[in-house]
Amino acid sequence: DMRKIMSNNNSLQPIGTESVVEKIIQSLLTAINAGDFPRGSRLPGELELTKKLAVSRNSLREAIKFLTAMGILEVKRGDGTFVSSEPKPAMFDSIIYTFMFESSTNDEIIELRQALDDIVLRIGIQKCSEENIDQLDQLIDEMQAAFRDNNISLAARKDYEFHMYLIECSKNPFLIRIVKGVYSLFEHSIEFNIRSEKEFANAVEHHQDIVNCLRSRDELSVTPTVNRSLSSWRKNAHHNQPESDAVAEK
């Protein structure tokens, strides 16, 4: 019963006159986060929302248009406006784009990647299956074979596929979208790092360390494993252009 939902949700409050659209957006987000409108649920009709928020229809429509563009809401013609049931790319892409246009330092980007790799590995320990681990082993074998054939581009691609699949092992759609988006900034530097390695064995060994950490379900070894796996990439990142420049040139 929509009237019952509207009477129970106390997160929606009347909006003032200053920055009306922004305030509507914040009010709707607060209500969604408070659980007043669960994922997949239908929002009240336009008339009910304008009365509850004390705003004009035009302002409400602009706010809903923005939240729809962000992937938080979705409009189904003839059926109404719904809270998205699953994360949409647009929900996170605006965050990722800031890395491409803001002047972040290499140190900040290194910290970001290290933090993401750490949390992905920790969640992977909890959620990954033996089949997931076998697939990661297969990717390492393919990367090593590419090294033996001196096919560095293929080795870099397998390296990148390894990390993309490792992210999938978290089995958390929100984390997967965020981390994959950020990792797109690292694709260029991963290949550069492999090309700069004098001995390919280190790259294979570091990836195997990650798989061993998953297989043993050893959370205590996560941080040192991530530190080792990023050691050469971290050094190269200090001596090369920012990731944002690398992406912009692609």
C-alpha atoms as a PDB file:
ATOM      1  CA  ASP A   1       0.000   0.000   0.000  1.00  0.00           C
ATOM      2  CA  MET A   2       1.779   3.146  -1.263  1.00  0.00           C
ATOM      3  CA  ARG A   3      -0.119   5.440   1.148  1.00  0.00           C
ATOM      4  CA  LYS A   4       1.122   3.369   4.063  1.00  0.00           C
ATOM      5  CA  ILE A   5       4.703   3.596   2.797  1.00  0.00           C
ATOM      6  CA  MET A   6       4.401   7.368   2.409  1.00  0.00           C
ATOM      7  CA  SER A   7       2.984   7.790   5.919  1.00  0.00           C
ATOM      8  CA  ASN A   8       5.737   5.677   7.436  1.00  0.00           C
ATOM      9  CA  ASN A   9       8.785   7.159   5.713  1.00  0.00           C
ATOM     10  CA  ASN A  10       9.956  10.074   7.824  1.00  0.00           C
ATOM     11  CA  SER A  11      13.107  10.722   5.763  1.00  0.00           C
ATOM     12  CA  LEU A  12      11.218  12.789   3.179  1.00  0.00           C
ATOM     13  CA  GLN A  13      10.875  16.323   4.491  1.00  0.00           C
ATOM     14  CA  PRO A  14       9.602  19.526   2.837  1.00  0.00           C
ATOM     15  CA  ILE A  15      12.211  21.304   0.720  1.00  0.00           C
ATOM     16  CA  GLY A  16      13.209  24.961   1.132  1.00  0.00           C
ATOM     17  CA  THR A  17      13.631  27.432  -1.713  1.00  0.00           C
ATOM     18  CA  GLU A  18      17.437  27.455  -2.016  1.00  0.00           C
ATOM     19  CA  SER A  19      19.015  24.939  -4.464  1.00  0.00           C
ATOM     20  CA  VAL A  20      15.704  23.123  -4.736  1.00  0.00           C
ATOM     21  CA  VAL A  21      16.760  20.437  -7.218  1.00  0.00           C
ATOM     22  CA  GLU A  22      19.884  19.581  -5.211  1.00  0.00           C
ATOM     23  CA  LYS A  23      17.828  19.336  -2.027  1.00  0.00           C
ATOM     24  CA  ILE A  24      15.286  17.062  -3.704  1.00  0.00           C
ATOM     25  CA  ILE A  25      18.114  14.818  -4.855  1.00  0.00           C
ATOM     26  CA  GLN A  26      19.548  14.679  -1.333  1.00  0.00           C
ATOM     27  CA  SER A  27      16.127  14.033   0.199  1.00  0.00           C
ATOM     28  CA  LEU A  28      15.418  11.151  -2.177  1.00  0.00           C
ATOM     29  CA  LEU A  29      18.880   9.671  -1.598  1.00  0.00           C
ATOM     30  CA  THR A  30      18.401   9.916   2.170  1.00  0.00           C
ATOM     31  CA  ALA A  31      15.058   8.131   1.910  1.00  0.00           C
ATOM     32  CA  ILE A  32      16.531   5.403  -0.288  1.00  0.00           C
ATOM     33  CA  ASN A  33      19.488   4.911   2.052  1.00  0.00           C
ATOM     34  CA  ALA A  34      17.146   4.825   5.045  1.00  0.00           C
ATOM     35  CA  GLY A  35      15.318   1.907   3.466  1.00  0.00           C
ATOM     36  CA  ASP A  36      12.080   3.787   2.815  1.00  0.00           C
ATOM     37  CA  PHE A  37      12.360   2.752  -0.823  1.00  0.00           C
ATOM     38  CA  PRO A  38      14.211  -0.577  -1.177  1.00  0.00           C
ATOM     39  CA  ARG A  39      16.033  -1.593  -4.356  1.00  0.00           C
ATOM     40  CA  GLY A  40      13.538  -2.441  -7.070  1.00  0.00           C
ATOM     41  CA  SER A  41      10.655  -0.641  -5.350  1.00  0.00           C
ATOM     42  CA  ARG A  42       8.424   1.918  -7.035  1.00  0.00           C
ATOM     43  CA  LEU A  43       8.555   5.548  -5.921  1.00  0.00           C
ATOM     44  CA  PRO A  44       5.296   7.320  -5.094  1.00  0.00           C
ATOM     45  CA  GLY A  45       3.681   9.193  -7.966  1.00  0.00           C
ATOM     46  CA  GLU A  46       4.732  12.664  -8.996  1.00  0.00           C
ATOM     47  CA  LEU A  47       1.765  14.357  -7.329  1.00  0.00           C
ATOM     48  CA  GLU A  48       2.364  12.618  -4.001  1.00  0.00           C
ATOM     49  CA  LEU A  49       6.084  13.446  -4.054  1.00  0.00           C
ATOM     50  CA  THR A  50       5.541  17.116  -4.872  1.00  0.00           C
ATOM     51  CA  LYS A  51       3.092  17.401  -1.963  1.00  0.00           C
ATOM     52  CA  LYS A  52       5.360  15.537   0.462  1.00  0.00           C
ATOM     53  CA  LEU A  53       8.423  17.587  -0.492  1.00  0.00           C
ATOM     54  CA  ALA A  54       6.525  20.844  -1.102  1.00  0.00           C
ATOM     55  CA  VAL A  55       8.238  21.432  -4.441  1.00  0.00           C
ATOM     56  CA  SER A  56       7.182  22.103  -8.017  1.00  0.00           C
ATOM     57  CA  ARG A  57       6.768  19.352 -10.591  1.00  0.00           C
ATOM     58  CA  ASN A  58       9.522  20.853 -12.750  1.00  0.00           C
ATOM     59  CA  SER A  59      12.042  20.739  -9.894  1.00  0.00           C
ATOM     60  CA  LEU A  60      11.063  17.162  -9.036  1.00  0.00           C
ATOM     61  CA  ARG A  61      11.383  16.100 -12.662  1.00  0.00           C
ATOM     62  CA  GLU A  62      14.868  17.625 -12.897  1.00  0.00           C
ATOM     63  CA  ALA A  63      15.954  15.765  -9.748  1.00  0.00           C
ATOM     64  CA  ILE A  64      14.557  12.466 -11.005  1.00  0.00           C
ATOM     65  CA  LYS A  65      16.196  13.035 -14.393  1.00  0.00           C
ATOM     66  CA  PHE A  66      19.567  13.489 -12.660  1.00  0.00           C
ATOM     67  CA  LEU A  67      19.162  10.406 -10.448  1.00  0.00           C
ATOM     68  CA  THR A  68      18.090   8.395 -13.486  1.00  0.00           C
ATOM     69  CA  ALA A  69      21.174   9.530 -15.415  1.00  0.00           C
ATOM     70  CA  MET A  70      23.280   8.435 -12.442  1.00  0.00           C
ATOM     71  CA  GLY A  71      21.685   4.980 -12.553  1.00  0.00           C
ATOM     72  CA  ILE A  72      20.126   5.281  -9.098  1.00  0.00           C
ATOM     73  CA  LEU A  73      16.557   5.471 -10.423  1.00  0.00           C
ATOM     74  CA  GLU A  74      15.026   4.014 -13.562  1.00  0.00           C
ATOM     75  CA  VAL A  75      11.869   5.202 -15.283  1.00  0.00           C
ATOM     76  CA  LYS A  76       9.618   2.562 -16.811  1.00  0.00           C
ATOM     77  CA  ARG A  77       7.163   4.107 -19.206  1.00  0.00           C
ATOM     78  CA  GLY A  78       3.592   3.564 -18.165  1.00  0.00           C
ATOM     79  CA  ASP A  79       4.685   1.955 -14.918  1.00  0.00           C
ATOM     80  CA  GLY A  80       6.449   4.656 -12.895  1.00  0.00           C
ATOM     81  CA  THR A  81       9.861   5.445 -11.404  1.00  0.00           C
ATOM     82  CA  PHE A  82      11.755   2.718  -9.556  1.00  0.00           C
ATOM     83  CA  VAL A  83      14.875   2.455  -7.428  1.00  0.00           C
ATOM     84  CA  SER A  84      17.409   0.523  -9.505  1.00  0.00           C
ATOM     85  CA  SER A  85      17.537  -3.112  -8.475  1.00  0.00           C
ATOM     86  CA  GLU A  86      21.239  -3.461  -9.288  1.00  0.00           C
ATOM     87  CA  PRO A  87      24.195  -1.073  -9.610  1.00  0.00           C
ATOM     88  CA  LYS A  88      24.366   0.681 -12.971  1.00  0.00           C
ATOM     89  CA  PRO A  89      27.640   1.751 -14.610  1.00  0.00           C
ATOM     90  CA  ALA A  90      26.657   5.425 -14.473  1.00  0.00           C
ATOM     91  CA  MET A  91      26.377   5.184 -10.684  1.00  0.00           C
ATOM     92  CA  PHE A  92      30.144   4.849 -10.404  1.00  0.00           C
ATOM     93  CA  ASP A  93      31.545   6.187 -13.679  1.00  0.00           C
ATOM     94  CA  SER A  94      31.364   9.822 -12.589  1.00  0.00           C
ATOM     95  CA  ILE A  95      33.674   8.910  -9.707  1.00  0.00           C
ATOM     96  CA  ILE A  96      36.099   7.197 -12.077  1.00  0.00           C
ATOM     97  CA  TYR A  97      36.115  10.149 -14.492  1.00  0.00           C
ATOM     98  CA  THR A  98      37.411  12.451 -11.765  1.00  0.00           C
ATOM     99  CA  PHE A  99      40.675  10.488 -11.768  1.00  0.00           C
ATOM    100  CA  MET A 100      41.064  11.263 -15.462  1.00  0.00           C
ATOM    101  CA  PHE A 101      40.620  15.020 -15.113  1.00  0.00           C
ATOM    102  CA  GLU A 102      41.802  15.912 -11.624  1.00  0.00           C
ATOM    103  CA  SER A 103      45.510  16.242 -10.962  1.00  0.00           C
ATOM    104  CA  SER A 104      46.087  13.374  -8.556  1.00  0.00           C
ATOM    105  CA  THR A 105      49.649  12.562  -7.599  1.00  0.00           C
ATOM    106  CA  ASN A 106      51.195   9.182  -8.292  1.00  0.00           C
ATOM    107  CA  ASP A 107      51.441   8.599  -4.544  1.00  0.00           C
ATOM    108  CA  GLU A 108      47.677   9.015  -4.211  1.00  0.00           C
ATOM    109  CA  ILE A 109      47.006   6.648  -7.103  1.00  0.00           C
ATOM    110  CA  ILE A 110      49.417   4.082  -5.649  1.00  0.00           C
ATOM    111  CA  GLU A 111      47.652   4.306  -2.274  1.00  0.00           C
ATOM    112  CA  LEU A 112      44.298   3.826  -4.008  1.00  0.00           C
ATOM    113  CA  ARG A 113      45.375   0.744  -5.922  1.00  0.00           C
ATOM    114  CA  GLN A 114      47.007  -0.792  -2.867  1.00  0.00           C
ATOM    115  CA  ALA A 115      43.852  -0.251  -0.781  1.00  0.00           C
ATOM    116  CA  LEU A 116      41.626  -1.739  -3.488  1.00  0.00           C
ATOM    117  CA  ASP A 117      43.868  -4.755  -4.037  1.00  0.00           C
ATOM    118  CA  ASP A 118      43.887  -5.356  -0.295  1.00  0.00           C
ATOM    119  CA  ILE A 119      40.094  -5.343   0.102  1.00  0.00           C
ATOM    120  CA  VAL A 120      39.535  -7.420  -3.059  1.00  0.00           C
ATOM    121  CA  LEU A 121      41.896 -10.104  -1.776  1.00  0.00           C
ATOM    122  CA  ARG A 122      40.348 -10.111   1.700  1.00  0.00           C
ATOM    123  CA  ILE A 123      36.826 -10.518   0.351  1.00  0.00           C
ATOM    124  CA  GLY A 124      38.050 -13.064  -2.198  1.00  0.00           C
ATOM    125  CA  ILE A 125      39.393 -15.205   0.636  1.00  0.00           C
ATOM    126  CA  GLN A 126      35.886 -15.321   2.084  1.00  0.00           C
ATOM    127  CA  LYS A 127      33.956 -15.869  -1.138  1.00  0.00           C
ATOM    128  CA  CYS A 128      36.060 -17.432  -3.887  1.00  0.00           C
ATOM    129  CA  SER A 129      35.478 -21.059  -4.869  1.00  0.00           C
ATOM    130  CA  GLU A 130      38.010 -23.716  -5.818  1.00  0.00           C
ATOM    131  CA  GLU A 131      36.866 -23.253  -9.432  1.00  0.00           C
ATOM    132  CA  ASN A 132      37.726 -19.554  -9.155  1.00  0.00           C
ATOM    133  CA  ILE A 133      41.186 -20.401  -7.861  1.00  0.00           C
ATOM    134  CA  ASP A 134      41.721 -22.931 -10.669  1.00  0.00           C
ATOM    135  CA  GLN A 135      40.808 -20.250 -13.228  1.00  0.00           C
ATOM    136  CA  LEU A 136      43.334 -17.850 -11.696  1.00  0.00           C
ATOM    137  CA  ASP A 137      45.966 -20.602 -11.916  1.00  0.00           C
ATOM    138  CA  GLN A 138      45.063 -21.058 -15.585  1.00  0.00           C
ATOM    139  CA  LEU A 139      45.570 -17.354 -16.265  1.00  0.00           C
ATOM    140  CA  ILE A 140      48.996 -17.491 -14.607  1.00  0.00           C
ATOM    141  CA  ASP A 141      49.933 -20.453 -16.823  1.00  0.00           C
ATOM    142  CA  GLU A 142      48.821 -18.512 -19.912  1.00  0.00           C
ATOM    143  CA  MET A 143      50.789 -15.461 -18.794  1.00  0.00           C
ATOM    144  CA  GLN A 144      53.894 -17.588 -18.244  1.00  0.00           C
ATOM    145  CA  ALA A 145      53.490 -19.200 -21.683  1.00  0.00           C
ATOM    146  CA  ALA A 146      53.287 -15.740 -23.247  1.00  0.00           C
ATOM    147  CA  PHE A 147      56.486 -14.773 -21.418  1.00  0.00           C
ATOM    148  CA  ARG A 148      58.257 -17.845 -22.798  1.00  0.00           C
ATOM    149  CA  ASP A 149      57.171 -16.862 -26.308  1.00  0.00           C
ATOM    150  CA  ASN A 150      58.367 -13.302 -25.655  1.00  0.00           C
ATOM    151  CA  ASN A 151      54.851 -12.101 -26.415  1.00  0.00           C
ATOM    152  CA  ILE A 152      54.792  -9.231 -23.940  1.00  0.00           C
ATOM    153  CA  SER A 153      51.503  -7.753 -25.124  1.00  0.00           C
ATOM    154  CA  LEU A 154      49.736 -11.071 -24.554  1.00  0.00           C
ATOM    155  CA  ALA A 155      51.446 -11.473 -21.172  1.00  0.00           C
ATOM    156  CA  ALA A 156      50.220  -8.013 -20.164  1.00  0.00           C
ATOM    157  CA  ARG A 157      46.709  -8.862 -21.296  1.00  0.00           C
ATOM    158  CA  LYS A 158      46.739 -12.056 -19.230  1.00  0.00           C
ATOM    159  CA  ASP A 159      48.053 -10.067 -16.270  1.00  0.00           C
ATOM    160  CA  TYR A 160      45.148  -7.635 -16.633  1.00  0.00           C
ATOM    161  CA  GLU A 161      42.642 -10.506 -17.090  1.00  0.00           C
ATOM    162  CA  PHE A 162      44.000 -12.077 -13.900  1.00  0.00           C
ATOM    163  CA  HIS A 163      43.208  -8.939 -11.914  1.00  0.00           C
ATOM    164  CA  MET A 164      39.793  -8.520 -13.556  1.00  0.00           C
ATOM    165  CA  TYR A 165      38.884 -12.091 -12.671  1.00  0.00           C
ATOM    166  CA  LEU A 166      40.237 -11.668  -9.139  1.00  0.00           C
ATOM    167  CA  ILE A 167      37.892  -8.704  -8.734  1.00  0.00           C
ATOM    168  CA  GLU A 168      34.989 -10.908  -9.888  1.00  0.00           C
ATOM    169  CA  CYS A 169      35.877 -13.345  -7.106  1.00  0.00           C
ATOM    170  CA  SER A 170      34.660 -10.776  -4.571  1.00  0.00           C
ATOM    171  CA  LYS A 171      31.120 -11.522  -5.856  1.00  0.00           C
ATOM    172  CA  ASN A 172      30.019  -8.062  -4.756  1.00  0.00           C
ATOM    173  CA  PRO A 173      28.502  -6.149  -7.711  1.00  0.00           C
ATOM    174  CA  PHE A 174      29.113  -2.727  -6.176  1.00  0.00           C
ATOM    175  CA  LEU A 175      32.769  -3.445  -5.402  1.00  0.00           C
ATOM    176  CA  ILE A 176      33.282  -5.075  -8.804  1.00  0.00           C
ATOM    177  CA  ARG A 177      31.985  -2.014 -10.645  1.00  0.00           C
ATOM    178  CA  ILE A 178      34.036   0.449  -8.602  1.00  0.00           C
ATOM    179  CA  VAL A 179      37.303  -1.502  -8.696  1.00  0.00           C
ATOM    180  CA  LYS A 180      37.038  -2.405 -12.389  1.00  0.00           C
ATOM    181  CA  GLY A 181      36.412   1.231 -13.205  1.00  0.00           C
ATOM    182  CA  VAL A 182      39.457   2.364 -11.260  1.00  0.00           C
ATOM    183  CA  TYR A 183      41.545  -0.491 -12.671  1.00  0.00           C
ATOM    184  CA  SER A 184      40.893   0.761 -16.198  1.00  0.00           C
ATOM    185  CA  LEU A 185      43.295   3.560 -15.262  1.00  0.00           C
ATOM    186  CA  PHE A 186      46.032   1.005 -14.589  1.00  0.00           C
ATOM    187  CA  GLU A 187      45.809  -1.001 -17.826  1.00  0.00           C
ATOM    188  CA  HIS A 188      48.492   1.047 -19.562  1.00  0.00           C
ATOM    189  CA  SER A 189      50.924   0.911 -16.650  1.00  0.00           C
ATOM    190  CA  ILE A 190      50.502  -2.852 -16.174  1.00  0.00           C
ATOM    191  CA  GLU A 191      51.863  -3.475 -19.681  1.00  0.00           C
ATOM    192  CA  PHE A 192      54.597  -0.868 -19.178  1.00  0.00           C
ATOM    193  CA  ASN A 193      55.600  -2.577 -15.949  1.00  0.00           C
ATOM    194  CA  ILE A 194      55.838  -5.997 -17.576  1.00  0.00           C
ATOM    195  CA  ARG A 195      57.901  -4.599 -20.457  1.00  0.00           C
ATOM    196  CA  SER A 196      60.303  -3.013 -17.983  1.00  0.00           C
ATOM    197  CA  GLU A 197      60.834  -6.225 -15.981  1.00  0.00           C
ATOM    198  CA  LYS A 198      64.273  -7.724 -16.553  1.00  0.00           C
ATOM    199  CA  GLU A 199      63.060 -11.074 -15.330  1.00  0.00           C
ATOM    200  CA  PHE A 200      59.497 -12.184 -15.928  1.00  0.00           C
ATOM    201  CA  ALA A 201      59.690 -14.690 -13.067  1.00  0.00           C
ATOM    202  CA  ASN A 202      58.899 -11.980 -10.521  1.00  0.00           C
ATOM    203  CA  ALA A 203      55.547 -11.185 -12.104  1.00  0.00           C
ATOM    204  CA  VAL A 204      54.527 -14.835 -12.196  1.00  0.00           C
ATOM    205  CA  GLU A 205      55.723 -15.385  -8.641  1.00  0.00           C
ATOM    206  CA  HIS A 206      53.754 -12.405  -7.331  1.00  0.00           C
ATOM    207  CA  HIS A 207      50.571 -13.619  -8.997  1.00  0.00           C
ATOM    208  CA  GLN A 208      51.130 -17.084  -7.596  1.00  0.00           C
ATOM    209  CA  ASP A 209      51.489 -15.555  -4.128  1.00  0.00           C
ATOM    210  CA  ILE A 210      47.995 -14.106  -4.527  1.00  0.00           C
ATOM    211  CA  VAL A 211      46.553 -17.490  -5.512  1.00  0.00           C
ATOM    212  CA  ASN A 212      48.334 -19.180  -2.609  1.00  0.00           C
ATOM    213  CA  CYS A 213      46.864 -16.584  -0.245  1.00  0.00           C
ATOM    214  CA  LEU A 214      43.378 -17.371  -1.548  1.00  0.00           C
ATOM    215  CA  ARG A 215      43.891 -21.123  -1.406  1.00  0.00           C
ATOM    216  CA  SER A 216      45.170 -21.053   2.177  1.00  0.00           C
ATOM    217  CA  ARG A 217      42.442 -18.559   3.226  1.00  0.00           C
ATOM    218  CA  ASP A 218      45.175 -16.737   5.154  1.00  0.00           C
ATOM    219  CA  GLU A 219      43.976 -13.197   5.914  1.00  0.00           C
ATOM    220  CA  LEU A 220      47.169 -12.393   7.834  1.00  0.00           C
ATOM    221  CA  SER A 221      49.181 -12.714   4.636  1.00  0.00           C
ATOM    222  CA  VAL A 222      46.993 -10.344   2.609  1.00  0.00           C
ATOM    223  CA  THR A 223      48.873  -7.087   3.207  1.00  0.00           C
ATOM    224  CA  PRO A 224      52.390  -8.494   2.651  1.00  0.00           C
ATOM    225  CA  THR A 225      51.146 -10.358  -0.441  1.00  0.00           C
ATOM    226  CA  VAL A 226      49.691  -7.171  -1.919  1.00  0.00           C
ATOM    227  CA  ASN A 227      52.851  -5.237  -1.064  1.00  0.00           C
ATOM    228  CA  ARG A 228      55.008  -7.795  -2.888  1.00  0.00           C
ATOM    229  CA  SER A 229      52.699  -7.967  -5.887  1.00  0.00           C
ATOM    230  CA  LEU A 230      52.816  -4.182  -6.343  1.00  0.00           C
ATOM    231  CA  SER A 231      56.521  -3.707  -5.582  1.00  0.00           C
ATOM    232  CA  SER A 232      57.815  -3.270  -9.138  1.00  0.00           C
ATOM    233  CA  TRP A 233      54.660  -1.520 -10.381  1.00  0.00           C
ATOM    234  CA  ARG A 234      54.966   0.939  -7.493  1.00  0.00           C
ATOM    235  CA  LYS A 235      58.558   1.805  -8.415  1.00  0.00           C
ATOM    236  CA  ASN A 236      57.704   2.310 -12.085  1.00  0.00           C
ATOM    237  CA  ALA A 237      54.667   4.441 -11.251  1.00  0.00           C
ATOM    238  CA  HIS A 238      56.934   6.897  -9.453  1.00  0.00           C
ATOM    239  CA  HIS A 239      59.057   7.384 -12.561  1.00  0.00           C
ATOM    240  CA  ASN A 240      56.378   7.670 -15.213  1.00  0.00           C
ATOM    241  CA  GLN A 241      53.516   9.918 -16.191  1.00  0.00           C
ATOM    242  CA  PRO A 242      50.338   9.992 -14.086  1.00  0.00           C
ATOM    243  CA  GLU A 243      47.748   7.362 -14.905  1.00  0.00           C
ATOM    244  CA  SER A 244      45.269  10.074 -15.867  1.00  0.00           C
ATOM    245  CA  ASP A 245      47.636  11.268 -18.625  1.00  0.00           C
ATOM    246  CA  ALA A 246      48.165   7.717 -19.805  1.00  0.00           C
ATOM    247  CA  VAL A 247      44.434   7.150 -20.118  1.00  0.00           C
ATOM    248  CA  ALA A 248      43.889  10.465 -21.885  1.00  0.00           C
ATOM    249  CA  GLU A 249      46.457   9.533 -24.536  1.00  0.00           C
ATOM    250  CA  LYS A 250      44.898   6.143 -25.295  1.00  0.00           C
END
